[in-house]
Amino acid sequence: MCTLRDKQEFHDPVGVAEKLGISSASWPIFGVIWPSSLVLAHYIVDYKTESKRILEIGCGMALSSLLLNKQCADITATDYHPEVKNFLQRNTLLNGDNDISFEQVDWTSKIDKLGLFDLIIGSDLLYEDSHIDLLANFIEKHSKPKCEVILVDPGRGRKSKLSSKMIEFGFTSSHKKPIHTDYLEQEFKGHILTFER
């Protein structure tokens, strides 16, 4: 995979990211593979995805989208960062795979072309308390009446608040620790959050 070299890289010569409210400090966050994204990819690799329309939210390096695309799943990736699409296209090409449907989205926007999904996935999405309602509303907006949601949270202390919001939308909620994480360099303190209705 083509990624940024580290979390210090920054390149926004004409201020595209800055205009979107992405600071130089947060600019590189999209471009590295985080432990939560590895946990999601390992969890989703054997998941039953046949005939499901799948959405990855805040995909960053889109590890799970690339994996599902390799399995010929119907995957759409989304992120807010303006460079994600370029990296996604390059990594798809490097792997000799078909293009992955991508849309740059803002969770606050009322308009996008995504539609509804059977399965929604994502990792490390809750950085601030304000993200809880934004994320839950975005998921609700793009969920079919029968829908599964799988999110990996690294343990930022917001999972219970998100669960409460999802329950308001008619989802059941469960949290569990990933069973095997020996592929990670450090102990994973987060949870896999699953929501269904």
C-alpha atoms as a PDB file:
ATOM      1  CA  MET A   1       0.000   0.000   0.000  1.00  0.00           C
ATOM      2  CA  CYS A   2       1.022   3.550  -0.687  1.00  0.00           C
ATOM      3  CA  THR A   3       0.699   5.595   2.513  1.00  0.00           C
ATOM      4  CA  LEU A   4       2.315   8.663   4.001  1.00  0.00           C
ATOM      5  CA  ARG A   5       5.750   7.964   5.476  1.00  0.00           C
ATOM      6  CA  ASP A   6       4.688   9.137   8.940  1.00  0.00           C
ATOM      7  CA  LYS A   7       2.321  11.413  10.887  1.00  0.00           C
ATOM      8  CA  GLN A   8       4.507  14.467  10.217  1.00  0.00           C
ATOM      9  CA  GLU A   9       3.976  14.736   6.464  1.00  0.00           C
ATOM     10  CA  PHE A  10       1.991  17.725   5.241  1.00  0.00           C
ATOM     11  CA  HIS A  11       1.270  19.018   1.748  1.00  0.00           C
ATOM     12  CA  ASP A  12      -1.498  21.532   1.121  1.00  0.00           C
ATOM     13  CA  PRO A  13       0.146  24.058  -1.239  1.00  0.00           C
ATOM     14  CA  VAL A  14      -3.033  25.821  -2.364  1.00  0.00           C
ATOM     15  CA  GLY A  15      -4.919  25.455   0.931  1.00  0.00           C
ATOM     16  CA  VAL A  16      -7.576  22.959  -0.203  1.00  0.00           C
ATOM     17  CA  ALA A  17      -7.587  21.127   3.138  1.00  0.00           C
ATOM     18  CA  GLU A  18      -7.277  24.371   5.085  1.00  0.00           C
ATOM     19  CA  LYS A  19     -10.458  25.674   3.440  1.00  0.00           C
ATOM     20  CA  LEU A  20     -12.219  22.511   4.659  1.00  0.00           C
ATOM     21  CA  GLY A  21     -11.072  23.217   8.220  1.00  0.00           C
ATOM     22  CA  ILE A  22      -8.288  20.596   8.228  1.00  0.00           C
ATOM     23  CA  SER A  23      -5.255  21.999  10.056  1.00  0.00           C
ATOM     24  CA  SER A  24      -1.637  21.142   9.266  1.00  0.00           C
ATOM     25  CA  ALA A  25      -1.517  19.092  12.502  1.00  0.00           C
ATOM     26  CA  SER A  26      -4.518  16.933  11.534  1.00  0.00           C
ATOM     27  CA  TRP A  27      -3.744  16.798   7.782  1.00  0.00           C
ATOM     28  CA  PRO A  28      -1.643  13.565   7.936  1.00  0.00           C
ATOM     29  CA  ILE A  29      -4.130  11.603  10.085  1.00  0.00           C
ATOM     30  CA  PHE A  30      -5.833  10.112   7.015  1.00  0.00           C
ATOM     31  CA  GLY A  31      -2.601   8.841   5.482  1.00  0.00           C
ATOM     32  CA  VAL A  32      -1.310   6.187   7.887  1.00  0.00           C
ATOM     33  CA  ILE A  33      -2.726   2.817   8.881  1.00  0.00           C
ATOM     34  CA  TRP A  34      -4.009   2.983  12.454  1.00  0.00           C
ATOM     35  CA  PRO A  35      -4.464   0.004  14.804  1.00  0.00           C
ATOM     36  CA  SER A  36      -8.256   0.377  14.659  1.00  0.00           C
ATOM     37  CA  SER A  37      -8.233   0.030  10.875  1.00  0.00           C
ATOM     38  CA  LEU A  38      -6.203  -3.188  11.181  1.00  0.00           C
ATOM     39  CA  VAL A  39      -8.700  -4.527  13.733  1.00  0.00           C
ATOM     40  CA  LEU A  40     -11.591  -3.705  11.384  1.00  0.00           C
ATOM     41  CA  ALA A  41      -9.888  -5.335   8.393  1.00  0.00           C
ATOM     42  CA  HIS A  42      -9.145  -8.513  10.372  1.00  0.00           C
ATOM     43  CA  TYR A  43     -12.721  -8.620  11.646  1.00  0.00           C
ATOM     44  CA  ILE A  44     -14.349  -8.012   8.271  1.00  0.00           C
ATOM     45  CA  VAL A  45     -12.186 -10.396   6.216  1.00  0.00           C
ATOM     46  CA  ASP A  46     -14.415 -13.420   6.951  1.00  0.00           C
ATOM     47  CA  TYR A  47     -17.674 -11.504   7.361  1.00  0.00           C
ATOM     48  CA  LYS A  48     -20.625 -12.516   5.207  1.00  0.00           C
ATOM     49  CA  THR A  49     -20.817  -9.651   2.714  1.00  0.00           C
ATOM     50  CA  GLU A  50     -22.420 -11.406  -0.259  1.00  0.00           C
ATOM     51  CA  SER A  51     -25.218  -9.371  -1.866  1.00  0.00           C
ATOM     52  CA  LYS A  52     -24.753  -6.550   0.661  1.00  0.00           C
ATOM     53  CA  ARG A  53     -24.232  -2.947  -0.305  1.00  0.00           C
ATOM     54  CA  ILE A  54     -21.421  -1.760   1.988  1.00  0.00           C
ATOM     55  CA  LEU A  55     -20.311   1.726   3.050  1.00  0.00           C
ATOM     56  CA  GLU A  56     -17.014   2.558   4.750  1.00  0.00           C
ATOM     57  CA  ILE A  57     -17.180   5.848   6.661  1.00  0.00           C
ATOM     58  CA  GLY A  58     -14.042   7.917   7.237  1.00  0.00           C
ATOM     59  CA  CYS A  59     -12.014   5.385   5.293  1.00  0.00           C
ATOM     60  CA  GLY A  60      -8.598   7.112   5.399  1.00  0.00           C
ATOM     61  CA  MET A  61      -6.241   4.591   3.780  1.00  0.00           C
ATOM     62  CA  ALA A  62      -9.331   2.442   3.126  1.00  0.00           C
ATOM     63  CA  LEU A  63      -7.722  -0.831   4.173  1.00  0.00           C
ATOM     64  CA  SER A  64     -11.097  -2.541   4.672  1.00  0.00           C
ATOM     65  CA  SER A  65     -12.478  -1.141   1.414  1.00  0.00           C
ATOM     66  CA  LEU A  66      -9.454  -2.458  -0.470  1.00  0.00           C
ATOM     67  CA  LEU A  67      -9.840  -5.844   1.183  1.00  0.00           C
ATOM     68  CA  LEU A  68     -13.562  -6.064   0.424  1.00  0.00           C
ATOM     69  CA  ASN A  69     -12.965  -4.869  -3.129  1.00  0.00           C
ATOM     70  CA  LYS A  70     -10.460  -7.717  -3.586  1.00  0.00           C
ATOM     71  CA  GLN A  71     -13.278 -10.066  -2.539  1.00  0.00           C
ATOM     72  CA  CYS A  72     -15.569  -8.474  -5.179  1.00  0.00           C
ATOM     73  CA  ALA A  73     -17.881  -6.981  -2.550  1.00  0.00           C
ATOM     74  CA  ASP A  74     -20.084  -3.975  -3.377  1.00  0.00           C
ATOM     75  CA  ILE A  75     -18.103  -1.357  -1.423  1.00  0.00           C
ATOM     76  CA  THR A  76     -18.317   2.435  -1.384  1.00  0.00           C
ATOM     77  CA  ALA A  77     -15.679   4.411   0.521  1.00  0.00           C
ATOM     78  CA  THR A  78     -16.091   7.906   1.980  1.00  0.00           C
ATOM     79  CA  ASP A  79     -13.915  10.455   3.724  1.00  0.00           C
ATOM     80  CA  TYR A  80     -13.761  14.217   4.208  1.00  0.00           C
ATOM     81  CA  HIS A  81     -10.050  14.638   3.443  1.00  0.00           C
ATOM     82  CA  PRO A  82      -9.330  15.902  -0.099  1.00  0.00           C
ATOM     83  CA  GLU A  83      -6.356  13.539  -0.661  1.00  0.00           C
ATOM     84  CA  VAL A  84      -8.093  10.272   0.197  1.00  0.00           C
ATOM     85  CA  LYS A  85      -9.479   9.687  -3.306  1.00  0.00           C
ATOM     86  CA  ASN A  86      -6.017  10.008  -4.877  1.00  0.00           C
ATOM     87  CA  PHE A  87      -4.509   7.457  -2.485  1.00  0.00           C
ATOM     88  CA  LEU A  88      -7.484   5.127  -2.925  1.00  0.00           C
ATOM     89  CA  GLN A  89      -7.141   5.201  -6.702  1.00  0.00           C
ATOM     90  CA  ARG A  90      -3.388   4.622  -6.498  1.00  0.00           C
ATOM     91  CA  ASN A  91      -3.718   1.696  -4.092  1.00  0.00           C
ATOM     92  CA  THR A  92      -6.465   0.122  -6.160  1.00  0.00           C
ATOM     93  CA  LEU A  93      -4.187   0.374  -9.209  1.00  0.00           C
ATOM     94  CA  LEU A  94      -1.199  -1.040  -7.279  1.00  0.00           C
ATOM     95  CA  ASN A  95      -3.314  -4.075  -6.358  1.00  0.00           C
ATOM     96  CA  GLY A  96      -4.621  -4.565  -9.897  1.00  0.00           C
ATOM     97  CA  ASP A  97      -8.218  -4.265  -8.713  1.00  0.00           C
ATOM     98  CA  ASN A  98     -11.368  -2.622 -10.014  1.00  0.00           C
ATOM     99  CA  ASP A  99     -12.053   0.989  -9.052  1.00  0.00           C
ATOM    100  CA  ILE A 100     -13.754   1.547  -5.715  1.00  0.00           C
ATOM    101  CA  SER A 101     -16.708   3.906  -5.628  1.00  0.00           C
ATOM    102  CA  PHE A 102     -15.713   6.946  -3.544  1.00  0.00           C
ATOM    103  CA  GLU A 103     -17.446  10.099  -2.386  1.00  0.00           C
ATOM    104  CA  GLN A 104     -15.929  12.942  -0.391  1.00  0.00           C
ATOM    105  CA  VAL A 105     -18.538  13.676   2.269  1.00  0.00           C
ATOM    106  CA  ASP A 106     -19.102  16.019   5.168  1.00  0.00           C
ATOM    107  CA  TRP A 107     -21.227  14.501   7.949  1.00  0.00           C
ATOM    108  CA  THR A 108     -22.919  17.882   8.433  1.00  0.00           C
ATOM    109  CA  SER A 109     -24.059  18.109   4.812  1.00  0.00           C
ATOM    110  CA  LYS A 110     -27.694  17.397   4.023  1.00  0.00           C
ATOM    111  CA  ILE A 111     -26.891  16.462   0.424  1.00  0.00           C
ATOM    112  CA  ASP A 112     -24.874  13.556  -0.959  1.00  0.00           C
ATOM    113  CA  LYS A 113     -25.385  10.866  -3.587  1.00  0.00           C
ATOM    114  CA  LEU A 114     -24.639   7.810  -1.471  1.00  0.00           C
ATOM    115  CA  GLY A 115     -28.061   6.245  -0.972  1.00  0.00           C
ATOM    116  CA  LEU A 116     -28.805   3.421   1.488  1.00  0.00           C
ATOM    117  CA  PHE A 117     -26.660   0.483   2.631  1.00  0.00           C
ATOM    118  CA  ASP A 118     -27.017  -2.983   4.175  1.00  0.00           C
ATOM    119  CA  LEU A 119     -23.699  -2.828   6.037  1.00  0.00           C
ATOM    120  CA  ILE A 120     -21.844   0.246   7.297  1.00  0.00           C
ATOM    121  CA  ILE A 121     -18.293   0.004   8.644  1.00  0.00           C
ATOM    122  CA  GLY A 122     -15.681   2.378  10.019  1.00  0.00           C
ATOM    123  CA  SER A 123     -12.811   2.743  12.454  1.00  0.00           C
ATOM    124  CA  ASP A 124     -11.523   5.421  14.820  1.00  0.00           C
ATOM    125  CA  LEU A 125     -14.256   7.945  14.021  1.00  0.00           C
ATOM    126  CA  LEU A 126     -15.096   9.585  17.362  1.00  0.00           C
ATOM    127  CA  TYR A 127     -12.453  12.218  18.072  1.00  0.00           C
ATOM    128  CA  GLU A 128     -14.749  14.756  19.744  1.00  0.00           C
ATOM    129  CA  ASP A 129     -18.090  14.730  21.574  1.00  0.00           C
ATOM    130  CA  SER A 130     -19.625  16.689  18.707  1.00  0.00           C
ATOM    131  CA  HIS A 131     -18.915  13.744  16.407  1.00  0.00           C
ATOM    132  CA  ILE A 132     -21.337  11.470  18.270  1.00  0.00           C
ATOM    133  CA  ASP A 133     -24.562  13.015  16.943  1.00  0.00           C
ATOM    134  CA  LEU A 134     -23.008  13.772  13.546  1.00  0.00           C
ATOM    135  CA  LEU A 135     -21.904  10.167  13.053  1.00  0.00           C
ATOM    136  CA  ALA A 136     -25.133   8.616  14.356  1.00  0.00           C
ATOM    137  CA  ASN A 137     -27.239  10.890  12.132  1.00  0.00           C
ATOM    138  CA  PHE A 138     -25.047  10.145   9.108  1.00  0.00           C
ATOM    139  CA  ILE A 139     -25.372   6.399   9.699  1.00  0.00           C
ATOM    140  CA  GLU A 140     -29.138   6.673  10.150  1.00  0.00           C
ATOM    141  CA  LYS A 141     -29.435   8.701   6.944  1.00  0.00           C
ATOM    142  CA  HIS A 142     -27.656   5.947   4.958  1.00  0.00           C
ATOM    143  CA  SER A 143     -29.031   2.809   6.643  1.00  0.00           C
ATOM    144  CA  LYS A 144     -31.599   0.563   5.058  1.00  0.00           C
ATOM    145  CA  PRO A 145     -34.466  -0.400   7.394  1.00  0.00           C
ATOM    146  CA  LYS A 146     -32.541  -3.654   7.994  1.00  0.00           C
ATOM    147  CA  CYS A 147     -28.900  -2.730   8.466  1.00  0.00           C
ATOM    148  CA  GLU A 148     -25.730  -3.817  10.270  1.00  0.00           C
ATOM    149  CA  VAL A 149     -23.098  -1.356  11.498  1.00  0.00           C
ATOM    150  CA  ILE A 150     -19.585  -2.366  12.576  1.00  0.00           C
ATOM    151  CA  LEU A 151     -17.326   0.300  14.065  1.00  0.00           C
ATOM    152  CA  VAL A 152     -13.954  -0.128  15.742  1.00  0.00           C
ATOM    153  CA  ASP A 153     -13.333   2.381  18.505  1.00  0.00           C
ATOM    154  CA  PRO A 154      -9.828   2.625  20.022  1.00  0.00           C
ATOM    155  CA  GLY A 155     -11.168   3.624  23.433  1.00  0.00           C
ATOM    156  CA  ARG A 156     -11.676   7.374  23.386  1.00  0.00           C
ATOM    157  CA  GLY A 157     -14.557   7.147  25.876  1.00  0.00           C
ATOM    158  CA  ARG A 158     -17.474   7.898  23.548  1.00  0.00           C
ATOM    159  CA  LYS A 159     -18.801   4.451  22.640  1.00  0.00           C
ATOM    160  CA  SER A 160     -21.620   4.416  25.210  1.00  0.00           C
ATOM    161  CA  LYS A 161     -22.944   7.803  24.089  1.00  0.00           C
ATOM    162  CA  LEU A 162     -22.894   6.653  20.463  1.00  0.00           C
ATOM    163  CA  SER A 163     -24.685   3.441  21.446  1.00  0.00           C
ATOM    164  CA  SER A 164     -27.429   5.405  23.190  1.00  0.00           C
ATOM    165  CA  LYS A 165     -27.976   7.474  20.069  1.00  0.00           C
ATOM    166  CA  MET A 166     -28.048   4.391  17.830  1.00  0.00           C
ATOM    167  CA  ILE A 167     -30.582   2.731  20.134  1.00  0.00           C
ATOM    168  CA  GLU A 168     -32.804   5.806  19.663  1.00  0.00           C
ATOM    169  CA  PHE A 169     -32.712   5.012  15.925  1.00  0.00           C
ATOM    170  CA  GLY A 170     -33.954   1.468  16.574  1.00  0.00           C
ATOM    171  CA  PHE A 171     -30.636  -0.400  16.540  1.00  0.00           C
ATOM    172  CA  THR A 172     -29.540  -3.023  19.035  1.00  0.00           C
ATOM    173  CA  SER A 173     -26.056  -2.439  20.398  1.00  0.00           C
ATOM    174  CA  SER A 174     -23.164  -4.601  21.563  1.00  0.00           C
ATOM    175  CA  HIS A 175     -19.496  -3.985  22.374  1.00  0.00           C
ATOM    176  CA  LYS A 176     -16.773  -6.598  22.410  1.00  0.00           C
ATOM    177  CA  LYS A 177     -13.010  -6.772  22.609  1.00  0.00           C
ATOM    178  CA  PRO A 178     -11.286  -8.200  19.530  1.00  0.00           C
ATOM    179  CA  ILE A 179     -10.121 -11.744  20.257  1.00  0.00           C
ATOM    180  CA  HIS A 180      -6.774 -11.908  18.444  1.00  0.00           C
ATOM    181  CA  THR A 181      -4.645  -8.792  18.024  1.00  0.00           C
ATOM    182  CA  ASP A 182      -1.162 -10.290  17.850  1.00  0.00           C
ATOM    183  CA  TYR A 183      -0.686  -8.454  14.536  1.00  0.00           C
ATOM    184  CA  LEU A 184      -0.604  -5.157  16.478  1.00  0.00           C
ATOM    185  CA  GLU A 185       2.550  -3.746  18.063  1.00  0.00           C
ATOM    186  CA  GLN A 186       0.764  -2.768  21.287  1.00  0.00           C
ATOM    187  CA  GLU A 187      -2.220  -3.942  23.289  1.00  0.00           C
ATOM    188  CA  PHE A 188      -5.499  -2.772  21.773  1.00  0.00           C
ATOM    189  CA  LYS A 189      -7.633  -1.077  24.414  1.00  0.00           C
ATOM    190  CA  GLY A 190     -10.656  -0.448  22.237  1.00  0.00           C
ATOM    191  CA  HIS A 191     -13.793  -2.330  21.226  1.00  0.00           C
ATOM    192  CA  ILE A 192     -15.669  -3.548  18.192  1.00  0.00           C
ATOM    193  CA  LEU A 193     -19.094  -1.900  18.267  1.00  0.00           C
ATOM    194  CA  THR A 194     -21.907  -3.637  16.436  1.00  0.00           C
ATOM    195  CA  PHE A 195     -25.373  -2.253  15.816  1.00  0.00           C
ATOM    196  CA  GLU A 196     -28.236  -4.061  14.084  1.00  0.00           C
ATOM    197  CA  ARG A 197     -31.868  -3.511  13.225  1.00  0.00           C
END
